Amino acid sequence: MIFVSKYLVPKGYLGLTFFPFVFLKKKALKQDAVFINHERIHLKQQLELLVIPFYFWYVVEFVFRLFQYKKWHLAYRNISFEREAYLQEKKLEYLKNRPFWAFLKYLRRHDF
């Protein structure tokens, strides 16, 4: 389910996914197939990890990346879940053939 709410999406971000919901900052983003695919990749990741462990892992990895990169944006972009979503978002058929726990291959360091 996709909802539009500029108040639920943190400043500096366009969307937020919290299984089974996707929150968008602007209505026009509903028409952006690449952006929606990015968020659907997150839905799949959350489902694989049973939601709560996903968020725990996300926060722990973000803190680790923040110490590693010393910059908020670099830390965020290098979280394995984000790396997978950003690198695969343009492949609109990606989720049809995505391997289980595919985000694991994005754990290794690759700077954006």
N, C-alpha and C. Protein backbone atom coordinates (compact mmCIF):
# COMPACT_ATOMS: atom_id res chain seq x y z
N MET A 1 0.84 -1.17 0.00
CA MET A 1 0.00 0.00 0.00
C MET A 1 0.88 1.23 0.00
N ILE A 2 0.56 2.17 -0.86
CA ILE A 2 1.34 3.39 -0.99
C ILE A 2 0.52 4.56 -0.46
N PHE A 3 1.14 5.34 0.42
CA PHE A 3 0.51 6.53 0.99
C PHE A 3 1.40 7.73 0.73
N VAL A 4 0.79 8.88 0.59
CA VAL A 4 1.54 10.13 0.43
C VAL A 4 1.40 10.92 1.72
N SER A 5 2.56 11.26 2.31
CA SER A 5 2.56 12.05 3.55
C SER A 5 3.90 12.74 3.69
N LYS A 6 3.93 14.02 3.51
CA LYS A 6 5.19 14.75 3.65
C LYS A 6 5.65 14.81 5.10
N TYR A 7 4.76 14.48 6.03
CA TYR A 7 5.12 14.54 7.45
C TYR A 7 5.75 13.25 7.98
N LEU A 8 5.43 12.12 7.37
CA LEU A 8 5.98 10.84 7.84
C LEU A 8 7.35 10.51 7.24
N VAL A 9 7.67 11.15 6.14
CA VAL A 9 8.96 10.91 5.49
C VAL A 9 9.96 11.92 6.03
N PRO A 10 11.08 11.45 6.57
CA PRO A 10 12.07 12.36 7.16
C PRO A 10 12.62 13.37 6.16
N LYS A 11 13.00 14.51 6.65
CA LYS A 11 13.59 15.56 5.84
C LYS A 11 14.83 15.00 5.11
N GLY A 12 14.94 15.31 3.83
CA GLY A 12 16.07 14.86 3.04
C GLY A 12 15.83 13.54 2.31
N TYR A 13 14.66 12.93 2.53
CA TYR A 13 14.32 11.66 1.89
C TYR A 13 13.01 11.83 1.12
N LEU A 14 12.81 11.00 0.11
CA LEU A 14 11.59 11.06 -0.69
C LEU A 14 10.58 9.98 -0.32
N GLY A 15 11.08 8.92 0.29
CA GLY A 15 10.19 7.82 0.63
C GLY A 15 10.67 7.06 1.84
N LEU A 16 9.77 6.28 2.40
CA LEU A 16 10.06 5.45 3.56
C LEU A 16 9.21 4.20 3.45
N THR A 17 9.83 3.06 3.61
CA THR A 17 9.11 1.79 3.52
C THR A 17 9.09 1.13 4.88
N PHE A 18 7.90 0.80 5.32
CA PHE A 18 7.71 0.08 6.57
C PHE A 18 6.65 -0.98 6.29
N PHE A 19 7.10 -2.21 6.11
CA PHE A 19 6.24 -3.29 5.64
C PHE A 19 4.90 -3.30 6.35
N PRO A 20 3.82 -3.33 5.63
CA PRO A 20 3.64 -3.45 4.19
C PRO A 20 3.36 -2.12 3.50
N PHE A 21 3.79 -1.02 4.09
CA PHE A 21 3.46 0.30 3.58
C PHE A 21 4.66 1.00 2.97
N VAL A 22 4.37 1.83 1.97
CA VAL A 22 5.36 2.73 1.38
C VAL A 22 4.80 4.13 1.55
N PHE A 23 5.57 5.00 2.17
CA PHE A 23 5.17 6.39 2.36
C PHE A 23 6.01 7.27 1.44
N LEU A 24 5.35 8.11 0.68
CA LEU A 24 6.02 9.00 -0.26
C LEU A 24 5.82 10.44 0.16
N LYS A 25 6.82 11.26 -0.11
CA LYS A 25 6.73 12.66 0.26
C LYS A 25 5.80 13.42 -0.71
N LYS A 26 5.80 13.00 -2.00
CA LYS A 26 5.00 13.71 -3.01
C LYS A 26 4.19 12.72 -3.83
N LYS A 27 2.99 13.12 -4.20
CA LYS A 27 2.09 12.28 -4.98
C LYS A 27 2.69 11.87 -6.33
N ALA A 28 3.44 12.76 -6.94
CA ALA A 28 4.04 12.50 -8.26
C ALA A 28 4.97 11.28 -8.23
N LEU A 29 5.53 10.96 -7.09
CA LEU A 29 6.44 9.82 -6.98
C LEU A 29 5.74 8.49 -7.25
N LYS A 30 4.42 8.45 -7.11
CA LYS A 30 3.67 7.22 -7.40
C LYS A 30 3.85 6.80 -8.86
N GLN A 31 4.13 7.76 -9.72
CA GLN A 31 4.29 7.50 -11.15
C GLN A 31 5.73 7.18 -11.53
N ASP A 32 6.65 7.29 -10.61
CA ASP A 32 8.07 7.05 -10.88
C ASP A 32 8.37 5.56 -10.68
N ALA A 33 8.39 4.82 -11.78
CA ALA A 33 8.56 3.36 -11.73
C ALA A 33 9.87 2.95 -11.07
N VAL A 34 10.93 3.68 -11.33
CA VAL A 34 12.24 3.35 -10.76
C VAL A 34 12.20 3.55 -9.24
N PHE A 35 11.65 4.66 -8.81
CA PHE A 35 11.56 4.94 -7.37
C PHE A 35 10.70 3.90 -6.66
N ILE A 36 9.57 3.56 -7.25
CA ILE A 36 8.68 2.56 -6.66
C ILE A 36 9.36 1.20 -6.62
N ASN A 37 10.12 0.88 -7.65
CA ASN A 37 10.86 -0.39 -7.65
C ASN A 37 11.88 -0.42 -6.51
N HIS A 38 12.55 0.70 -6.28
CA HIS A 38 13.51 0.82 -5.16
C HIS A 38 12.80 0.47 -3.85
N GLU A 39 11.63 1.05 -3.65
CA GLU A 39 10.89 0.82 -2.41
C GLU A 39 10.37 -0.61 -2.33
N ARG A 40 10.01 -1.19 -3.46
CA ARG A 40 9.55 -2.59 -3.47
C ARG A 40 10.69 -3.55 -3.12
N ILE A 41 11.89 -3.19 -3.52
CA ILE A 41 13.06 -4.00 -3.14
C ILE A 41 13.17 -4.01 -1.62
N HIS A 42 12.96 -2.85 -0.99
CA HIS A 42 12.99 -2.78 0.48
C HIS A 42 11.87 -3.63 1.09
N LEU A 43 10.71 -3.64 0.49
CA LEU A 43 9.62 -4.48 1.00
C LEU A 43 10.03 -5.94 0.99
N LYS A 44 10.67 -6.37 -0.08
CA LYS A 44 11.12 -7.76 -0.19
C LYS A 44 12.18 -8.06 0.88
N GLN A 45 13.11 -7.15 1.08
CA GLN A 45 14.16 -7.32 2.10
C GLN A 45 13.53 -7.45 3.48
N GLN A 46 12.56 -6.60 3.77
CA GLN A 46 11.91 -6.63 5.07
C GLN A 46 11.15 -7.93 5.28
N LEU A 47 10.50 -8.40 4.26
CA LEU A 47 9.76 -9.65 4.34
C LEU A 47 10.71 -10.82 4.59
N GLU A 48 11.84 -10.83 3.92
CA GLU A 48 12.82 -11.91 4.09
C GLU A 48 13.34 -11.99 5.52
N LEU A 49 13.52 -10.83 6.13
CA LEU A 49 14.08 -10.80 7.49
C LEU A 49 12.99 -10.65 8.56
N LEU A 50 11.76 -10.82 8.16
CA LEU A 50 10.63 -10.78 9.10
C LEU A 50 10.49 -9.42 9.79
N VAL A 51 10.71 -8.37 9.08
CA VAL A 51 10.49 -6.97 9.43
C VAL A 51 11.34 -6.46 10.60
N ILE A 52 11.08 -6.89 11.82
CA ILE A 52 11.80 -6.35 12.98
C ILE A 52 13.31 -6.61 12.89
N PRO A 53 13.75 -7.83 12.58
CA PRO A 53 15.19 -8.04 12.40
C PRO A 53 15.78 -7.18 11.28
N PHE A 54 14.98 -6.90 10.25
CA PHE A 54 15.44 -6.01 9.17
C PHE A 54 15.83 -4.66 9.76
N TYR A 55 14.96 -4.07 10.55
CA TYR A 55 15.24 -2.74 11.11
C TYR A 55 16.39 -2.76 12.09
N PHE A 56 16.49 -3.81 12.86
CA PHE A 56 17.63 -3.94 13.77
C PHE A 56 18.93 -3.97 12.97
N TRP A 57 18.97 -4.83 11.95
CA TRP A 57 20.16 -4.95 11.11
C TRP A 57 20.46 -3.61 10.43
N TYR A 58 19.42 -2.95 9.92
CA TYR A 58 19.56 -1.67 9.22
C TYR A 58 20.23 -0.65 10.13
N VAL A 59 19.74 -0.53 11.35
CA VAL A 59 20.29 0.46 12.29
C VAL A 59 21.72 0.11 12.68
N VAL A 60 21.98 -1.15 13.00
CA VAL A 60 23.33 -1.57 13.38
C VAL A 60 24.31 -1.33 12.23
N GLU A 61 23.90 -1.70 11.02
CA GLU A 61 24.80 -1.49 9.88
C GLU A 61 25.00 -0.01 9.61
N PHE A 62 23.95 0.79 9.78
CA PHE A 62 24.10 2.24 9.58
C PHE A 62 25.11 2.82 10.56
N VAL A 63 25.02 2.43 11.82
CA VAL A 63 25.96 2.93 12.84
C VAL A 63 27.40 2.50 12.47
N PHE A 64 27.56 1.26 12.07
CA PHE A 64 28.87 0.77 11.64
C PHE A 64 29.38 1.59 10.47
N ARG A 65 28.53 1.83 9.47
CA ARG A 65 28.94 2.61 8.28
C ARG A 65 29.23 4.06 8.64
N LEU A 66 28.51 4.59 9.61
CA LEU A 66 28.77 5.97 10.03
C LEU A 66 30.16 6.09 10.64
N PHE A 67 30.56 5.11 11.44
CA PHE A 67 31.93 5.11 11.97
C PHE A 67 32.93 4.91 10.85
N GLN A 68 32.58 4.08 9.89
CA GLN A 68 33.47 3.77 8.78
C GLN A 68 33.67 4.98 7.86
N TYR A 69 32.60 5.66 7.49
CA TYR A 69 32.67 6.74 6.50
C TYR A 69 32.66 8.15 7.08
N LYS A 70 32.21 8.29 8.31
CA LYS A 70 32.16 9.59 9.01
C LYS A 70 31.23 10.62 8.38
N LYS A 71 30.41 10.19 7.44
CA LYS A 71 29.46 11.09 6.79
C LYS A 71 28.12 10.38 6.68
N TRP A 72 27.05 11.07 7.10
CA TRP A 72 25.71 10.50 7.15
C TRP A 72 25.30 9.93 5.79
N HIS A 73 25.42 10.73 4.74
CA HIS A 73 24.96 10.28 3.42
C HIS A 73 25.75 9.08 2.91
N LEU A 74 27.05 9.09 3.08
CA LEU A 74 27.86 7.94 2.66
C LEU A 74 27.52 6.69 3.47
N ALA A 75 27.28 6.87 4.74
CA ALA A 75 26.91 5.74 5.58
C ALA A 75 25.58 5.16 5.11
N TYR A 76 24.60 6.02 4.89
CA TYR A 76 23.28 5.59 4.42
C TYR A 76 23.38 4.86 3.08
N ARG A 77 24.11 5.44 2.12
CA ARG A 77 24.20 4.85 0.78
C ARG A 77 24.96 3.52 0.77
N ASN A 78 25.75 3.26 1.80
CA ASN A 78 26.54 2.04 1.83
C ASN A 78 25.96 0.95 2.73
N ILE A 79 24.78 1.15 3.25
CA ILE A 79 24.07 0.07 3.95
C ILE A 79 23.74 -0.97 2.88
N SER A 80 23.96 -2.22 3.17
CA SER A 80 23.76 -3.28 2.17
C SER A 80 22.36 -3.23 1.54
N PHE A 81 21.34 -2.96 2.32
CA PHE A 81 19.98 -2.90 1.81
C PHE A 81 19.83 -1.75 0.79
N GLU A 82 20.44 -0.62 1.10
CA GLU A 82 20.37 0.53 0.20
C GLU A 82 21.20 0.29 -1.04
N ARG A 83 22.35 -0.31 -0.87
CA ARG A 83 23.21 -0.59 -2.04
C ARG A 83 22.47 -1.48 -3.03
N GLU A 84 21.84 -2.53 -2.53
CA GLU A 84 21.08 -3.39 -3.43
C GLU A 84 19.97 -2.60 -4.11
N ALA A 85 19.20 -1.86 -3.35
CA ALA A 85 18.06 -1.13 -3.91
C ALA A 85 18.51 -0.09 -4.94
N TYR A 86 19.56 0.67 -4.64
CA TYR A 86 20.03 1.68 -5.59
C TYR A 86 20.63 1.04 -6.85
N LEU A 87 21.38 -0.03 -6.68
CA LEU A 87 22.02 -0.64 -7.85
C LEU A 87 21.05 -1.43 -8.72
N GLN A 88 19.93 -1.84 -8.18
CA GLN A 88 18.97 -2.65 -8.94
C GLN A 88 17.67 -1.93 -9.29
N GLU A 89 17.49 -0.71 -8.82
CA GLU A 89 16.21 -0.03 -8.98
C GLU A 89 15.77 0.18 -10.43
N LYS A 90 16.70 0.32 -11.33
CA LYS A 90 16.35 0.56 -12.74
C LYS A 90 15.97 -0.73 -13.47
N LYS A 91 16.26 -1.86 -12.87
CA LYS A 91 15.90 -3.15 -13.45
C LYS A 91 14.50 -3.51 -12.95
N LEU A 92 13.50 -3.10 -13.69
CA LEU A 92 12.12 -3.23 -13.23
C LEU A 92 11.66 -4.68 -13.10
N GLU A 93 12.38 -5.62 -13.67
CA GLU A 93 12.05 -7.04 -13.56
C GLU A 93 12.90 -7.73 -12.48
N TYR A 94 13.72 -6.99 -11.80
CA TYR A 94 14.67 -7.54 -10.83
C TYR A 94 14.00 -8.43 -9.78
N LEU A 95 12.91 -8.00 -9.23
CA LEU A 95 12.28 -8.75 -8.14
C LEU A 95 11.73 -10.11 -8.58
N LYS A 96 11.49 -10.27 -9.86
CA LYS A 96 10.97 -11.55 -10.34
C LYS A 96 12.01 -12.67 -10.22
N ASN A 97 13.29 -12.31 -10.32
CA ASN A 97 14.35 -13.31 -10.29
C ASN A 97 15.36 -13.10 -9.16
N ARG A 98 15.05 -12.20 -8.27
CA ARG A 98 15.98 -11.86 -7.19
C ARG A 98 16.20 -13.07 -6.27
N PRO A 99 17.48 -13.41 -6.04
CA PRO A 99 17.76 -14.52 -5.12
C PRO A 99 17.39 -14.16 -3.68
N PHE A 100 17.07 -15.17 -2.90
CA PHE A 100 16.75 -14.99 -1.49
C PHE A 100 17.96 -14.39 -0.77
N TRP A 101 17.74 -13.41 0.06
CA TRP A 101 18.78 -12.70 0.81
C TRP A 101 19.87 -12.13 -0.09
N ALA A 102 19.48 -11.61 -1.22
CA ALA A 102 20.42 -11.05 -2.20
C ALA A 102 21.24 -9.89 -1.63
N PHE A 103 20.69 -9.20 -0.64
CA PHE A 103 21.40 -8.06 -0.05
C PHE A 103 22.74 -8.45 0.55
N LEU A 104 22.91 -9.73 0.90
CA LEU A 104 24.15 -10.18 1.54
C LEU A 104 25.38 -9.93 0.66
N LYS A 105 25.20 -10.01 -0.64
CA LYS A 105 26.36 -9.79 -1.52
C LYS A 105 26.77 -8.32 -1.56
N TYR A 106 25.96 -7.44 -0.98
CA TYR A 106 26.27 -6.01 -0.95
C TYR A 106 26.89 -5.58 0.38
N LEU A 107 27.21 -6.53 1.22
CA LEU A 107 27.83 -6.19 2.51
C LEU A 107 29.28 -5.72 2.37
N ARG A 108 29.95 -6.27 1.38
CA ARG A 108 31.36 -5.89 1.18
C ARG A 108 31.46 -4.41 0.84
N ARG A 109 32.58 -3.82 1.19
CA ARG A 109 32.78 -2.38 1.00
C ARG A 109 32.91 -2.03 -0.48
N HIS A 110 32.03 -1.17 -0.91
CA HIS A 110 32.07 -0.59 -2.25
C HIS A 110 31.56 0.83 -2.11
N ASP A 111 32.43 1.79 -2.16
CA ASP A 111 32.02 3.17 -1.95
C ASP A 111 31.15 3.69 -3.10
N PHE A 112 30.16 4.47 -2.72
CA PHE A 112 29.32 5.17 -3.71
C PHE A 112 29.93 6.51 -3.97
